[in-house]
Amino acid sequence: MKGVKGDQLVVIKVVEKRYLLDERDALEEVEILKTAEHPNVVRFIEFIEEADRFIIVLENLEGGELFDRVAMVGNFVEDDARKVMKSLLDVLAYMHARDVVHRDIKPENLFLVDPHDSTNIKVADFGHARRLDGFKETRCRGNPGTLAPEMLLREPYGTQVDMWSAGCVMFVLLGGYEPFYDRSARNLVRKVLHADYSFDPMYFDNVSDEAKDLISRLLVTDPELRLTAEQALEHPWITQESHPGLQQHLSAKIRVYTGRRKLRKAVRKAMASGFLKDFVTGEKEKIRLSMSEEAANEDMLTRKSLGLPEETKEPHLHLDITI
């Protein structure tokens, strides 16, 4: 929600302690934001702790969500997407150099500083961010559609999970639909684990080959082979200057995506108490899913239901789903 501090409009984030699995999660977000000095990271203003809640005061980004604004203005082109991705990758390079992983990079967490400039973005919502301090993380956090395979597999992971998510964001920016989506949760997980996506000609025919190449180098299941943020910043699509080939309009695609996303979000909230009912009960190791802010049912699925080969490690995770 928004409020006023002094003479400035600010965003007030209220975190109820009773919803937190670990209160250190909120404190970690504050420490990361307090020390972040990057022009494309939302600015921290104040932190207040009360008996039953934490209050985090942040700058107000007047442009609102990037995708909402792009859908309205109607003149977003591939070169604009390139500038947005360059800023996002620069933030990730900055954070990763400090051994911080965001863990929830998604379209909804990119905000515009100025409503009249659809390329000047800031990354927000560091609620799942962590300082790794040289260690690997195993807990799953984030949005199911942008989670990296190693996170779903409950393998120790590092900052490279953000690069997978960045690839998902870039895919949506250019194509107007998610690379991994399915109404069936088990099918969604299977698609992510196998990097089962394609560039639909209806949406990607006019997207440059360089852009599609960068996406393909980010959506790599092996984190060791996936581009780092520093490497992605050196990719030809990012470093090239604007030219006529990058002027294809993307706003119509994003408008369709934004409408679908809002509908799905409403549906997910309505069915939160019975989330992902199509997960199947298995006899072996199971996947446990929980929602951080809404009570979700626990469901299970087996390697067989995912269609994974026998030698593939079976997923087993505790997942905080963000909507």
Protein backbone atom coordinates (compact mmCIF):
# COMPACT_ATOMS: atom_id res chain seq x y z
CA MET A 1 0.00 0.00 0.00
CA LYS A 2 1.03 3.62 -0.38
CA GLY A 3 1.41 6.34 2.21
CA VAL A 4 3.11 9.65 2.86
CA LYS A 5 6.37 10.18 4.74
CA GLY A 6 7.25 13.81 5.18
CA ASP A 7 6.39 15.34 1.84
CA GLN A 8 6.98 12.25 -0.29
CA LEU A 9 4.69 9.46 -1.44
CA VAL A 10 6.09 6.09 -0.40
CA VAL A 11 5.25 2.40 -0.59
CA ILE A 12 4.56 0.73 2.75
CA LYS A 13 5.11 -3.02 2.87
CA VAL A 14 3.52 -4.67 5.91
CA VAL A 15 4.71 -8.19 6.78
CA GLU A 16 2.60 -9.97 9.39
CA LYS A 17 4.86 -12.09 11.59
CA ARG A 18 2.30 -14.87 11.89
CA TYR A 19 2.64 -15.60 8.16
CA LEU A 20 6.42 -15.95 8.26
CA LEU A 21 8.08 -19.34 8.39
CA ASP A 22 11.17 -17.56 9.69
CA GLU A 23 11.27 -13.92 10.85
CA ARG A 24 14.82 -13.70 9.58
CA ASP A 25 13.38 -13.71 6.06
CA ALA A 26 12.01 -10.18 6.49
CA LEU A 27 15.15 -8.98 8.25
CA GLU A 28 17.28 -10.34 5.42
CA GLU A 29 15.27 -8.34 2.88
CA VAL A 30 15.85 -5.17 4.90
CA GLU A 31 19.60 -5.71 5.21
CA ILE A 32 19.97 -6.39 1.49
CA LEU A 33 17.97 -3.31 0.50
CA LYS A 34 19.70 -1.05 3.05
CA THR A 35 23.11 -1.80 1.57
CA ALA A 36 22.08 -1.92 -2.10
CA GLU A 37 23.47 1.00 -4.07
CA HIS A 38 22.30 0.50 -7.62
CA PRO A 39 20.20 2.87 -9.75
CA ASN A 40 17.92 0.03 -10.85
CA VAL A 41 17.11 -1.33 -7.38
CA VAL A 42 14.13 0.02 -5.46
CA ARG A 43 15.33 2.45 -2.78
CA PHE A 44 14.97 1.54 0.90
CA ILE A 45 13.73 4.33 3.20
CA GLU A 46 12.85 2.97 6.64
CA PHE A 47 12.24 -0.19 8.68
CA ILE A 48 9.93 -0.45 11.70
CA GLU A 49 9.39 -3.53 13.86
CA GLU A 50 6.19 -3.83 15.88
CA ALA A 51 5.01 -6.63 18.16
CA ASP A 52 3.13 -8.50 15.45
CA ARG A 53 4.50 -7.15 12.20
CA PHE A 54 7.37 -5.64 10.27
CA ILE A 55 6.93 -2.43 8.26
CA ILE A 56 9.25 -1.70 5.35
CA VAL A 57 9.07 1.73 3.73
CA LEU A 58 10.28 1.96 0.13
CA GLU A 59 10.34 4.59 -2.59
CA ASN A 60 7.22 4.92 -4.70
CA LEU A 61 7.84 4.07 -8.34
CA GLU A 62 5.37 6.26 -10.18
CA GLY A 63 5.43 4.31 -13.42
CA GLY A 64 3.88 1.22 -11.85
CA GLU A 65 4.43 -2.30 -13.15
CA LEU A 66 6.39 -2.38 -16.39
CA PHE A 67 4.01 -4.76 -18.14
CA ASP A 68 0.89 -2.82 -17.18
CA ARG A 69 2.36 0.40 -18.57
CA VAL A 70 3.64 -1.21 -21.76
CA ALA A 71 0.22 -2.73 -22.41
CA MET A 72 -1.32 0.75 -22.15
CA VAL A 73 1.11 2.89 -24.15
CA GLY A 74 1.30 0.64 -27.20
CA ASN A 75 4.73 1.63 -28.55
CA PHE A 76 7.12 -0.86 -26.91
CA VAL A 77 9.61 -2.34 -29.40
CA GLU A 78 12.38 -4.95 -29.29
CA ASP A 79 15.03 -2.33 -28.65
CA ASP A 80 13.06 -1.22 -25.57
CA ALA A 81 13.05 -4.83 -24.39
CA ARG A 82 16.82 -4.89 -24.91
CA LYS A 83 17.25 -1.82 -22.68
CA VAL A 84 15.02 -3.33 -19.99
CA MET A 85 16.95 -6.60 -20.03
CA LYS A 86 20.26 -4.74 -19.90
CA SER A 87 19.13 -2.97 -16.72
CA LEU A 88 17.84 -6.22 -15.20
CA LEU A 89 21.06 -8.08 -16.01
CA ASP A 90 23.09 -5.21 -14.57
CA VAL A 91 21.16 -5.48 -11.30
CA LEU A 92 21.74 -9.23 -11.21
CA ALA A 93 25.45 -8.81 -11.92
CA TYR A 94 25.64 -6.30 -9.06
CA MET A 95 23.75 -8.55 -6.63
CA HIS A 96 25.51 -11.75 -7.63
CA ALA A 97 28.92 -10.12 -7.20
CA ARG A 98 27.84 -9.57 -3.59
CA ASP A 99 26.69 -13.19 -3.30
CA VAL A 100 23.02 -12.18 -3.11
CA VAL A 101 20.35 -14.20 -4.92
CA HIS A 102 16.95 -12.59 -5.57
CA ARG A 103 14.96 -15.82 -6.14
CA ASP A 104 11.81 -14.11 -7.41
CA ILE A 105 12.70 -12.42 -10.67
CA LYS A 106 9.46 -12.16 -12.65
CA PRO A 107 7.63 -9.58 -14.79
CA GLU A 108 5.52 -8.38 -11.86
CA ASN A 109 8.66 -7.32 -9.95
CA LEU A 110 9.89 -4.89 -12.61
CA PHE A 111 8.63 -1.33 -12.06
CA LEU A 112 8.97 1.89 -14.03
CA VAL A 113 10.48 4.95 -12.41
CA ASP A 114 8.71 7.30 -14.83
CA PRO A 115 5.32 6.52 -16.44
CA HIS A 116 6.54 8.22 -19.62
CA ASP A 117 9.69 6.11 -19.99
CA SER A 118 9.02 2.42 -20.56
CA THR A 119 12.69 1.40 -20.32
CA ASN A 120 13.79 3.00 -17.02
CA ILE A 121 13.07 0.15 -14.62
CA LYS A 122 13.81 -0.82 -11.05
CA VAL A 123 13.78 -4.31 -9.57
CA ALA A 124 11.57 -4.64 -6.50
CA ASP A 125 10.33 -7.24 -3.99
CA PHE A 126 13.40 -8.70 -2.32
CA GLY A 127 11.27 -10.74 0.07
CA HIS A 128 12.86 -14.00 -1.06
CA ALA A 129 16.38 -12.61 -1.51
CA ARG A 130 19.26 -14.21 0.39
CA ARG A 131 22.90 -13.59 1.13
CA LEU A 132 24.59 -16.89 0.33
CA ASP A 133 27.92 -16.06 2.00
CA GLY A 134 29.70 -18.72 -0.01
CA PHE A 135 27.12 -21.42 0.70
CA LYS A 136 24.43 -22.99 -1.46
CA GLU A 137 20.69 -22.74 -0.77
CA THR A 138 18.20 -25.62 -1.03
CA ARG A 139 14.85 -24.09 -0.09
CA CYS A 140 12.49 -23.32 -2.94
CA ARG A 141 11.02 -19.85 -3.19
CA GLY A 142 9.31 -17.96 -5.97
CA ASN A 143 6.86 -18.24 -8.82
CA PRO A 144 6.38 -21.78 -10.26
CA GLY A 145 6.56 -20.56 -13.84
CA THR A 146 9.98 -18.96 -13.40
CA LEU A 147 11.68 -21.40 -11.01
CA ALA A 148 14.95 -22.91 -12.19
CA PRO A 149 15.15 -26.72 -12.57
CA GLU A 150 17.79 -27.12 -9.85
CA MET A 151 15.46 -25.40 -7.41
CA LEU A 152 12.61 -27.77 -8.25
CA LEU A 153 14.99 -30.72 -7.88
CA ARG A 154 15.97 -29.50 -4.40
CA GLU A 155 19.58 -29.44 -5.44
CA PRO A 156 21.95 -26.96 -3.76
CA TYR A 157 21.73 -23.82 -5.87
CA GLY A 158 23.28 -20.40 -6.12
CA THR A 159 22.81 -17.15 -7.98
CA GLN A 160 22.32 -18.91 -11.33
CA VAL A 161 18.64 -19.51 -10.50
CA ASP A 162 18.11 -15.81 -11.16
CA MET A 163 19.52 -16.19 -14.66
CA TRP A 164 16.91 -18.82 -15.54
CA SER A 165 14.21 -16.47 -14.27
CA ALA A 166 15.72 -13.62 -16.30
CA GLY A 167 15.41 -15.83 -19.37
CA CYS A 168 11.72 -16.34 -18.59
CA VAL A 169 11.20 -12.57 -18.25
CA MET A 170 12.94 -11.92 -21.56
CA PHE A 171 10.83 -14.59 -23.25
CA VAL A 172 7.62 -12.90 -22.05
CA LEU A 173 8.86 -9.44 -23.03
CA LEU A 174 9.46 -10.55 -26.61
CA GLY A 175 6.79 -13.19 -27.11
CA GLY A 176 3.96 -12.12 -24.85
CA TYR A 177 3.49 -15.53 -23.25
CA GLU A 178 5.32 -17.64 -20.67
CA PRO A 179 7.87 -20.22 -21.86
CA PHE A 180 6.59 -22.66 -19.24
CA TYR A 181 2.88 -22.76 -18.57
CA ASP A 182 0.35 -25.52 -18.11
CA ARG A 183 -2.92 -25.81 -16.24
CA SER A 184 -1.64 -29.09 -14.87
CA ALA A 185 0.96 -28.55 -12.14
CA ARG A 186 2.73 -31.82 -12.87
CA ASN A 187 3.01 -30.92 -16.56
CA LEU A 188 4.34 -27.48 -15.67
CA VAL A 189 7.06 -29.01 -13.49
CA ARG A 190 7.94 -31.53 -16.18
CA LYS A 191 8.28 -28.77 -18.79
CA VAL A 192 10.63 -26.79 -16.56
CA LEU A 193 12.79 -29.81 -15.71
CA HIS A 194 13.24 -30.63 -19.39
CA ALA A 195 13.42 -26.99 -20.61
CA ASP A 196 10.47 -27.89 -22.81
CA TYR A 197 9.67 -24.61 -24.53
CA SER A 198 9.55 -23.36 -28.11
CA PHE A 199 9.51 -20.08 -30.02
CA ASP A 200 6.03 -20.08 -31.52
CA PRO A 201 6.38 -18.57 -35.02
CA MET A 202 3.13 -16.66 -34.53
CA TYR A 203 4.81 -14.61 -31.80
CA PHE A 204 8.54 -14.91 -32.49
CA ASP A 205 8.88 -14.75 -36.27
CA ASN A 206 9.74 -11.05 -36.15
CA VAL A 207 11.99 -11.32 -33.10
CA SER A 208 15.70 -11.16 -33.91
CA ASP A 209 17.82 -14.31 -33.94
CA GLU A 210 20.22 -12.67 -31.47
CA ALA A 211 17.41 -12.25 -28.94
CA LYS A 212 16.31 -15.86 -29.29
CA ASP A 213 19.91 -16.98 -28.94
CA LEU A 214 20.28 -15.15 -25.62
CA ILE A 215 17.07 -16.70 -24.32
CA SER A 216 18.30 -20.16 -25.29
CA ARG A 217 21.55 -19.54 -23.39
CA LEU A 218 19.64 -18.53 -20.26
CA LEU A 219 17.02 -21.29 -20.28
CA VAL A 220 19.62 -24.04 -19.86
CA THR A 221 18.85 -26.77 -17.34
CA ASP A 222 22.47 -27.15 -16.21
CA PRO A 223 23.33 -24.06 -14.12
CA GLU A 224 27.02 -24.54 -14.91
CA LEU A 225 26.29 -24.07 -18.62
CA ARG A 226 23.80 -21.24 -18.15
CA LEU A 227 25.13 -17.73 -18.81
CA THR A 228 26.07 -15.67 -15.78
CA ALA A 229 24.83 -12.09 -15.53
CA GLU A 230 28.26 -10.78 -16.54
CA GLN A 231 28.36 -13.08 -19.56
CA ALA A 232 24.82 -12.14 -20.58
CA LEU A 233 25.76 -8.46 -20.49
CA GLU A 234 28.40 -9.23 -23.13
CA HIS A 235 25.94 -10.98 -25.45
CA PRO A 236 25.62 -9.32 -28.89
CA TRP A 237 21.90 -8.65 -28.43
CA ILE A 238 22.63 -6.61 -25.29
CA THR A 239 25.70 -4.77 -26.57
CA GLN A 240 24.41 -3.81 -30.02
CA GLU A 241 23.20 -0.31 -30.76
CA SER A 242 19.61 0.30 -31.82
CA HIS A 243 18.81 -0.42 -35.47
CA PRO A 244 15.64 -0.80 -37.59
CA GLY A 245 15.59 -4.56 -37.05
CA LEU A 246 14.79 -3.98 -33.38
CA GLN A 247 11.75 -1.77 -33.93
CA GLN A 248 9.06 -4.45 -34.09
CA HIS A 249 6.18 -3.48 -31.80
CA LEU A 250 5.62 -5.78 -28.83
CA SER A 251 2.87 -3.95 -26.93
CA ALA A 252 -0.01 -6.01 -28.36
CA LYS A 253 1.67 -9.24 -27.23
CA ILE A 254 2.28 -7.85 -23.75
CA ARG A 255 -1.30 -6.58 -23.54
CA VAL A 256 -2.57 -10.13 -24.09
CA TYR A 257 -0.09 -11.52 -21.56
CA THR A 258 -1.06 -8.93 -18.94
CA GLY A 259 -4.74 -9.77 -19.29
CA ARG A 260 -4.08 -13.49 -18.96
CA ARG A 261 -1.77 -12.98 -16.00
CA LYS A 262 -4.32 -10.92 -14.04
CA LEU A 263 -7.03 -13.50 -14.70
CA ARG A 264 -4.80 -16.33 -13.53
CA LYS A 265 -3.82 -14.39 -10.43
CA ALA A 266 -7.47 -13.90 -9.51
CA VAL A 267 -8.19 -17.57 -10.05
CA ARG A 268 -5.18 -18.64 -7.98
CA LYS A 269 -6.31 -16.47 -5.07
CA ALA A 270 -9.82 -17.87 -5.26
CA MET A 271 -8.59 -21.45 -5.12
CA ALA A 272 -5.71 -20.91 -2.69
CA SER A 273 -7.09 -23.35 -0.14
CA GLY A 274 -7.03 -26.12 -2.70
CA PHE A 275 -4.06 -25.11 -4.82
CA LEU A 276 -2.77 -27.51 -7.48
CA LYS A 277 -5.43 -30.18 -7.03
CA ASP A 278 -4.23 -32.04 -10.09
CA PHE A 279 -1.07 -33.21 -8.35
CA VAL A 280 -1.21 -36.99 -8.00
CA THR A 281 -0.51 -39.11 -4.94
CA GLY A 282 2.68 -41.16 -5.24
CA GLU A 283 4.16 -44.09 -3.35
CA LYS A 284 7.68 -42.77 -3.39
CA GLU A 285 9.26 -39.43 -2.53
CA LYS A 286 6.83 -36.53 -2.85
CA ILE A 287 6.82 -32.85 -3.60
CA ARG A 288 5.43 -30.68 -0.86
CA LEU A 289 4.16 -27.28 -1.78
CA SER A 290 3.10 -24.53 0.57
CA MET A 291 2.06 -20.97 -0.02
CA SER A 292 3.74 -18.32 2.05
CA GLU A 293 0.68 -16.13 2.51
CA GLU A 294 -2.23 -18.47 1.96
CA ALA A 295 -2.94 -21.91 3.35
CA ALA A 296 -2.28 -24.38 0.58
CA ASN A 297 -2.96 -28.08 0.48
CA GLU A 298 0.01 -30.39 0.31
CA ASP A 299 0.16 -32.57 -2.76
CA MET A 300 2.44 -35.26 -4.06
CA LEU A 301 3.80 -36.43 -7.35
CA THR A 302 6.19 -39.15 -8.42
CA ARG A 303 8.91 -39.51 -10.99
CA LYS A 304 6.54 -41.57 -13.11
CA SER A 305 3.85 -38.86 -13.12
CA LEU A 306 6.48 -36.33 -14.20
CA GLY A 307 7.63 -38.56 -17.04
CA LEU A 308 11.23 -38.38 -15.83
CA PRO A 309 13.74 -41.11 -16.72
CA GLU A 310 14.68 -43.50 -13.92
CA GLU A 311 18.16 -42.08 -13.47
CA THR A 312 16.87 -38.53 -13.03
CA LYS A 313 16.81 -37.27 -9.48
CA GLU A 314 13.26 -37.02 -8.24
CA PRO A 315 12.09 -33.61 -7.05
CA HIS A 316 11.44 -33.18 -3.35
CA LEU A 317 10.85 -29.65 -2.21
CA HIS A 318 9.21 -27.15 0.05
CA LEU A 319 8.04 -24.35 -2.20
CA ASP A 320 6.82 -20.90 -1.28
CA ILE A 321 4.62 -19.95 -4.22
CA THR A 322 4.28 -16.28 -5.00
CA ILE A 323 1.34 -14.96 -6.96
